[in-house]
Protein backbone atom coordinates (compact mmCIF):
# COMPACT_ATOMS: atom_id res chain seq x y z
CA UNK A 1 29.36 120.46 66.52
CA UNK A 2 32.55 122.43 66.35
CA UNK A 3 33.98 120.16 69.08
CA UNK A 4 33.74 117.08 66.79
CA UNK A 5 36.77 116.22 64.80
CA UNK A 6 36.64 115.67 61.04
CA UNK A 7 37.31 111.97 61.55
CA UNK A 8 34.26 111.62 63.76
CA UNK A 9 32.13 113.46 61.26
CA UNK A 10 33.37 111.22 58.45
CA UNK A 11 32.56 108.10 60.45
CA UNK A 12 29.13 109.43 61.32
CA UNK A 13 28.36 110.22 57.70
CA UNK A 14 29.56 106.79 56.61
CA UNK A 15 27.38 105.14 59.28
CA UNK A 16 24.34 107.09 58.17
CA UNK A 17 24.99 106.27 54.49
CA UNK A 18 25.36 102.57 55.24
CA UNK A 19 22.17 102.63 57.35
CA UNK A 20 20.26 104.34 54.57
CA UNK A 21 21.57 101.83 52.04
CA UNK A 22 20.52 98.91 54.25
CA UNK A 23 17.11 100.50 54.75
CA UNK A 24 16.64 101.00 50.99
CA UNK A 25 17.73 97.44 50.25
CA UNK A 26 15.37 96.07 52.91
CA UNK A 27 12.50 98.13 51.55
CA UNK A 28 13.28 96.93 48.04
CA UNK A 29 13.56 93.29 49.16
CA UNK A 30 10.35 93.40 51.18
CA UNK A 31 8.59 95.22 48.37
CA UNK A 32 9.78 92.61 45.91
CA UNK A 33 8.56 89.83 48.17
CA UNK A 34 5.20 91.55 48.54
CA UNK A 35 5.07 92.44 44.83
CA UNK A 36 4.99 96.17 45.60
CA UNK A 37 7.07 97.07 42.58
CA UNK A 38 5.67 94.55 40.07
CA UNK A 39 2.35 94.70 38.17
CA UNK A 40 -0.09 92.25 39.79
CA UNK A 41 -3.66 90.98 39.44
CA UNK A 42 -6.03 89.79 42.11
CA UNK A 43 -7.86 86.50 42.65
CA UNK A 44 -10.17 85.26 45.42
CA UNK A 45 -11.20 81.87 46.83
CA UNK A 46 -13.60 80.84 49.60
CA UNK A 47 -12.78 78.24 52.26
CA UNK A 48 -14.56 76.86 55.28
CA UNK A 49 -11.27 76.77 57.18
CA UNK A 50 -8.03 78.49 56.16
CA UNK A 51 -6.02 76.16 58.43
CA UNK A 52 -3.55 78.75 59.77
CA UNK A 53 -3.04 80.72 56.53
CA UNK A 54 -1.96 84.34 57.20
CA UNK A 55 -1.70 87.56 55.23
CA UNK A 56 1.72 87.72 53.59
CA UNK A 57 2.06 83.95 53.07
CA UNK A 58 3.22 82.88 49.65
CA UNK A 59 1.04 81.85 46.72
CA UNK A 60 2.43 79.00 44.61
CA UNK A 61 1.67 77.84 41.11
CA UNK A 62 3.31 74.61 39.92
CA UNK A 63 5.56 74.76 43.00
CA UNK A 64 6.82 78.30 42.20
CA UNK A 65 6.15 81.38 44.35
CA UNK A 66 4.10 83.71 42.15
CA UNK A 67 2.41 86.00 44.69
CA UNK A 68 1.29 86.65 48.28
CA UNK A 69 -1.89 86.44 50.32
CA UNK A 70 -3.24 90.02 50.42
CA UNK A 71 -6.33 89.70 52.58
CA UNK A 72 -8.27 87.17 54.68
CA UNK A 73 -11.77 88.02 55.85
CA UNK A 74 -14.75 86.17 57.26
CA UNK A 75 -17.79 86.27 55.00
CA UNK A 76 -20.18 84.37 57.30
CA UNK A 77 -20.17 81.65 59.95
CA UNK A 78 -19.04 79.00 57.43
CA UNK A 79 -17.08 80.90 54.77
CA UNK A 80 -13.69 82.64 54.80
CA UNK A 81 -12.56 84.56 51.73
CA UNK A 82 -8.87 84.64 50.80
CA UNK A 83 -7.64 87.33 48.40
CA UNK A 84 -4.23 86.99 46.75
CA UNK A 85 -2.03 89.21 44.58
CA UNK A 86 -0.23 87.38 41.75
CA UNK A 87 2.42 88.66 39.37
CA UNK A 88 1.06 89.74 36.02
CA UNK A 89 3.66 87.81 34.03
CA UNK A 90 2.20 84.44 35.10
CA UNK A 91 -1.43 85.32 34.38
CA UNK A 92 -1.33 83.68 30.94
CA UNK A 93 -0.49 80.30 32.52
CA UNK A 94 -3.33 80.24 35.07
CA UNK A 95 -6.66 79.03 33.65
CA UNK A 96 -10.17 79.97 34.74
CA UNK A 97 -10.92 76.41 35.87
CA UNK A 98 -7.85 76.21 38.13
CA UNK A 99 -8.52 75.37 41.77
CA UNK A 100 -7.02 76.80 44.97
CA UNK A 101 -6.02 74.79 48.02
CA UNK A 102 -4.10 75.43 51.21
CA UNK A 103 -0.89 73.51 51.86
CA UNK A 104 2.33 73.92 53.79
CA UNK A 105 5.92 74.73 52.95
CA UNK A 106 7.51 71.46 54.05
CA UNK A 107 6.31 69.27 56.93
CA UNK A 108 6.13 71.96 59.61
CA UNK A 109 6.65 75.08 57.46
CA UNK A 110 4.40 78.08 56.86
CA UNK A 111 1.04 77.66 55.20
CA UNK A 112 0.86 78.55 51.49
CA UNK A 113 -1.93 79.02 48.97
CA UNK A 114 -1.48 76.56 46.10
CA UNK A 115 -3.07 77.07 42.69
CA UNK A 116 -3.50 73.88 40.65
CA UNK A 117 -3.09 73.84 36.89
CA UNK A 118 -6.29 74.00 34.86
CA UNK A 119 -7.19 72.42 31.53
CA UNK A 120 -5.43 73.57 28.38
CA UNK A 121 -8.74 74.32 26.64
CA UNK A 122 -9.96 76.73 29.36
CA UNK A 123 -9.69 80.49 29.09
CA UNK A 124 -7.01 82.55 30.86
CA UNK A 125 -7.95 83.83 34.30
CA UNK A 126 -9.10 87.46 34.60
CA UNK A 127 -8.21 90.08 37.19
CA UNK A 128 -10.45 89.72 40.26
CA UNK A 129 -11.78 86.29 39.20
CA UNK A 130 -13.02 83.86 41.85
CA UNK A 131 -11.46 80.36 41.91
CA UNK A 132 -12.99 77.12 43.12
CA UNK A 133 -11.44 75.97 46.40
CA UNK A 134 -10.46 72.54 47.74
CA UNK A 135 -10.73 72.30 51.51
CA UNK A 136 -7.41 71.54 53.25
CA UNK A 137 -6.82 68.47 55.37
CA UNK A 138 -6.49 69.40 58.99
CA UNK A 139 -3.31 68.39 60.78
CA UNK A 140 -5.33 67.48 63.87
CA UNK A 141 -7.44 65.08 61.82
CA UNK A 142 -4.28 63.47 60.42
CA UNK A 143 -2.83 63.09 63.90
CA UNK A 144 -6.08 61.61 65.19
CA UNK A 145 -6.11 59.14 62.30
CA UNK A 146 -2.48 58.24 63.04
CA UNK A 147 -3.38 57.68 66.69
CA UNK A 148 -6.18 55.30 65.71
CA UNK A 149 -3.87 53.51 63.30
CA UNK A 150 -1.19 53.24 65.98
CA UNK A 151 -3.71 51.74 68.42
CA UNK A 152 -4.83 49.21 65.80
CA UNK A 153 -1.22 48.32 65.04
CA UNK A 154 -0.60 47.77 68.74
CA UNK A 155 -3.57 45.40 68.98
CA UNK A 156 -2.46 43.52 65.87
CA UNK A 157 1.11 43.24 67.19
CA UNK A 158 -0.18 41.88 70.50
CA UNK A 159 -2.35 39.27 68.78
CA UNK A 160 0.49 38.31 66.46
CA UNK A 161 2.81 37.85 69.43
CA UNK A 162 0.27 35.51 71.08
CA UNK A 163 -0.07 33.52 67.85
CA UNK A 164 3.70 33.16 67.53
CA UNK A 165 3.91 32.08 71.20
CA UNK A 166 1.27 29.38 70.63
CA UNK A 167 3.05 28.19 67.50
CA UNK A 168 6.39 27.97 69.30
CA UNK A 169 4.76 26.00 72.12
CA UNK A 170 3.31 23.49 69.64
CA UNK A 171 -0.34 24.51 69.93
CA UNK A 172 -2.64 24.28 66.95
CA UNK A 173 -2.08 22.59 63.60
CA UNK A 174 0.68 24.98 62.51
CA UNK A 175 2.47 24.60 65.82
CA UNK A 176 2.31 20.80 65.57
CA UNK A 177 3.65 20.93 62.03
CA UNK A 178 6.63 22.96 63.23
CA UNK A 179 7.35 21.20 66.53
CA UNK A 180 6.23 17.58 65.94
CA UNK A 181 8.72 15.84 63.65
CA UNK A 182 6.36 12.89 63.05
CA UNK A 183 3.67 15.10 61.55
CA UNK A 184 6.28 16.90 59.48
CA UNK A 185 7.54 13.52 58.19
CA UNK A 186 3.97 12.45 57.36
CA UNK A 187 3.40 15.70 55.50
CA UNK A 188 6.62 15.15 53.57
CA UNK A 189 5.56 11.58 52.73
CA UNK A 190 2.14 12.82 51.61
CA UNK A 191 3.76 15.40 49.36
CA UNK A 192 6.07 12.71 47.93
CA UNK A 193 3.08 10.44 47.25
CA UNK A 194 1.24 13.27 45.64
CA UNK A 195 4.23 13.99 43.40
CA UNK A 196 4.39 10.30 42.47
CA UNK A 197 0.67 10.25 41.69
CA UNK A 198 1.09 13.39 39.68
CA UNK A 199 3.87 11.75 37.68
CA UNK A 200 1.70 8.68 36.99
CA UNK A 201 -1.17 10.95 36.04
CA UNK A 202 1.11 12.74 33.57
CA UNK A 203 2.02 9.37 32.05
CA UNK A 204 -1.67 8.50 31.72
CA UNK A 205 -2.34 11.83 30.04
CA UNK A 206 0.58 11.25 27.68
CA UNK A 207 -0.73 7.76 26.80
CA UNK A 208 -4.21 9.17 26.30
CA UNK A 209 -2.85 11.83 23.99
CA UNK A 210 -1.01 9.13 22.03
CA UNK A 211 -4.21 7.08 21.67
CA UNK A 212 -6.11 10.17 20.62
CA UNK A 213 -3.49 10.93 17.99
CA UNK A 214 -3.73 7.34 16.67
CA UNK A 215 -7.52 7.57 16.60
CA UNK A 216 -7.32 10.88 14.73
CA UNK A 217 -4.93 9.33 12.18
CA UNK A 218 -7.32 6.40 11.63
CA UNK A 219 -10.23 8.79 11.39
CA UNK A 220 -8.33 10.87 8.86
CA UNK A 221 -7.57 7.70 6.83
CA UNK A 222 -11.24 6.69 6.96
CA UNK A 223 -12.23 10.16 5.84
CA UNK A 224 -9.82 9.88 2.92
CA UNK A 225 -11.31 6.51 1.93
CA UNK A 226 -14.80 7.93 2.28
CA UNK A 227 -13.81 10.83 0.06
CA UNK A 228 -12.51 8.36 -2.59
CA UNK A 229 -15.73 6.32 -2.34
CA UNK A 230 -17.87 9.44 -2.62
CA UNK A 231 -15.84 10.55 -5.62
CA UNK A 232 -16.35 7.13 -7.31
CA UNK A 233 -20.05 7.20 -6.44
CA UNK A 234 -20.28 10.66 -7.91
CA UNK A 235 -18.70 9.43 -11.14
CA UNK A 236 -21.18 6.52 -11.27
CA UNK A 237 -24.10 8.90 -10.73
CA UNK A 238 -22.77 11.14 -13.52
CA UNK A 239 -22.61 8.16 -15.87
CA UNK A 240 -26.13 7.07 -14.89
CA UNK A 241 -27.46 10.60 -15.41
CA UNK A 242 -25.73 10.70 -18.80
CA UNK A 243 -27.40 7.40 -19.83
CA UNK A 244 -24.30 5.18 -19.76
CA UNK A 245 -24.62 1.49 -18.82
CA UNK A 246 -27.71 -0.65 -18.34
CA UNK A 247 -29.01 1.30 -15.33
CA UNK A 248 -28.43 4.58 -17.12
CA UNK A 249 -30.31 3.33 -20.15
CA UNK A 250 -33.15 2.15 -17.91
CA UNK A 251 -33.39 5.63 -16.36
CA UNK A 252 -32.61 7.88 -19.33
CA UNK A 253 -33.69 5.82 -22.42
CA UNK A 254 -37.46 6.22 -22.77
CA UNK A 255 -37.64 3.66 -25.59
CA UNK A 256 -36.09 0.92 -23.44
CA UNK A 257 -38.34 1.84 -20.54
CA UNK A 258 -41.37 1.58 -22.88
CA UNK A 259 -40.21 -1.82 -24.10
CA UNK A 260 -39.75 -2.98 -20.49
CA UNK A 261 -43.28 -1.84 -19.65
CA UNK A 262 -44.62 -3.68 -22.70
CA UNK A 263 -42.77 -6.84 -21.66
CA UNK A 264 -44.19 -6.65 -18.13
CA UNK A 265 -47.68 -6.16 -19.61
CA UNK A 266 -47.25 -9.21 -21.84
CA UNK A 267 -46.08 -11.29 -18.85
CA UNK A 268 -49.18 -10.20 -16.93
CA UNK A 269 -51.43 -11.22 -19.83
CA UNK A 270 -49.60 -14.54 -20.17
CA UNK A 271 -50.11 -15.27 -16.44
CA UNK A 272 -53.80 -14.51 -16.77
CA UNK A 273 -54.04 -16.89 -19.77
CA UNK A 274 -52.17 -19.52 -17.77
CA UNK A 275 -54.68 -19.20 -14.91
CA UNK A 276 -57.55 -19.64 -17.37
CA UNK A 277 -55.91 -22.72 -18.88
CA UNK A 278 -55.40 -24.24 -15.41
CA UNK A 279 -59.10 -23.66 -14.60
CA UNK A 280 -60.03 -25.26 -17.90
CA UNK A 281 -57.89 -28.32 -17.13
CA UNK A 282 -59.86 -28.90 -13.91
CA UNK A 283 -62.93 -29.75 -16.01
CA UNK A 284 -61.04 -31.68 -18.64
CA UNK A 285 -61.89 -35.39 -18.71
CA UNK A 286 -58.23 -36.37 -18.48
CA UNK A 287 -57.26 -34.08 -15.58
CA UNK A 288 -60.55 -33.84 -13.68
CA UNK A 289 -59.80 -36.95 -11.54
CA UNK A 290 -56.37 -35.60 -10.57
CA UNK A 291 -57.74 -32.26 -9.40
CA UNK A 292 -60.56 -34.01 -7.45
CA UNK A 293 -58.04 -36.21 -5.56
CA UNK A 294 -55.91 -33.13 -4.84
CA UNK A 295 -58.94 -31.33 -3.43
CA UNK A 296 -59.84 -34.33 -1.21
CA UNK A 297 -56.28 -34.48 0.08
CA UNK A 298 -56.33 -30.75 0.93
CA UNK A 299 -59.67 -31.21 2.75
CA UNK A 300 -58.27 -34.10 4.85
CA UNK A 301 -55.22 -31.99 5.79
CA UNK A 302 -57.49 -29.11 6.81
CA UNK A 303 -59.63 -31.36 9.07
CA UNK A 304 -56.54 -32.82 10.76
CA UNK A 305 -55.19 -29.31 11.41
CA UNK A 306 -58.49 -28.19 12.99
CA UNK A 307 -58.61 -31.26 15.28
CA UNK A 308 -55.04 -30.67 16.39
CA UNK A 309 -55.78 -27.02 17.23
CA UNK A 310 -58.89 -28.00 19.26
CA UNK A 311 -56.91 -30.55 21.34
CA UNK A 312 -54.20 -27.98 22.15
CA UNK A 313 -56.85 -25.51 23.35
CA UNK A 314 -58.40 -28.17 25.65
CA UNK A 315 -55.00 -28.97 27.20
CA UNK A 316 -54.32 -25.29 27.88
CA UNK A 317 -57.79 -24.68 29.42
CA UNK A 318 -57.67 -27.65 31.88
CA UNK A 319 -54.98 -26.22 34.29
CA UNK A 320 -56.77 -22.89 34.42
CA UNK A 321 -59.99 -24.58 35.71
CA UNK A 322 -58.10 -26.37 38.58
């Protein structure tokens, strides 16, 4: 050591100091990444497949790295338990009904354990609590699905190419519409005729609306006249009910109604007396001959009517016998 110069010794000491400083910084950085110097709490979640997750991978909550995967162990043939250490200062934001899932950091990045936000009404997660897990989607399954989709797209593209080739060659109705100018002209003429018919139909609708409006105006006028007539009739009925006028007096005035009944009774008695007088005249010496001649005349008319009826019956019955 005595052969080394002071300069060499100074350089050696500086090299060692720098190495120690780098080592301490690396230890501090790694410890910070692994949460060795921060208070942490532990959570667990069970998966059927951890999909490439490793010890030391990050744990994210709301897209922020909040911890690391501490342990991965197989529980049985269908369950793998993942234990994670999370910083204590984010414990108040993670709820007991939060769910864990496995994702990736970017498209082809490392796998990470994601913790979804829970409901605001749930309690805060406790140290060592077990979270419900959502199984990750396998990359192989996605690739297989993409392969199937690609194959289907290839088939569709091939069929579409054949359809376009047939159309360009004039096959089928669509191809004829595109290639044959006569058909295209006929279609254009049909559309023009349809537009013309539509215009005429609009005119008919407009005329119909006009007629309907006129009918509604006449109906409204009739309703107004009916209202006036009903009002006048109502006034007449009020006057009748109040005893005004002859009809009102007939309905409301009991004295007049009694007099009318008495008059009708007198007329009935007078007609009965007249019948008795007429019967008495039949036996009167001066009128007896007149009534006898009138009775003989009525008898002759009755006999003639009976003979006429019998002849008509004989005429009707003769064709039926032949």
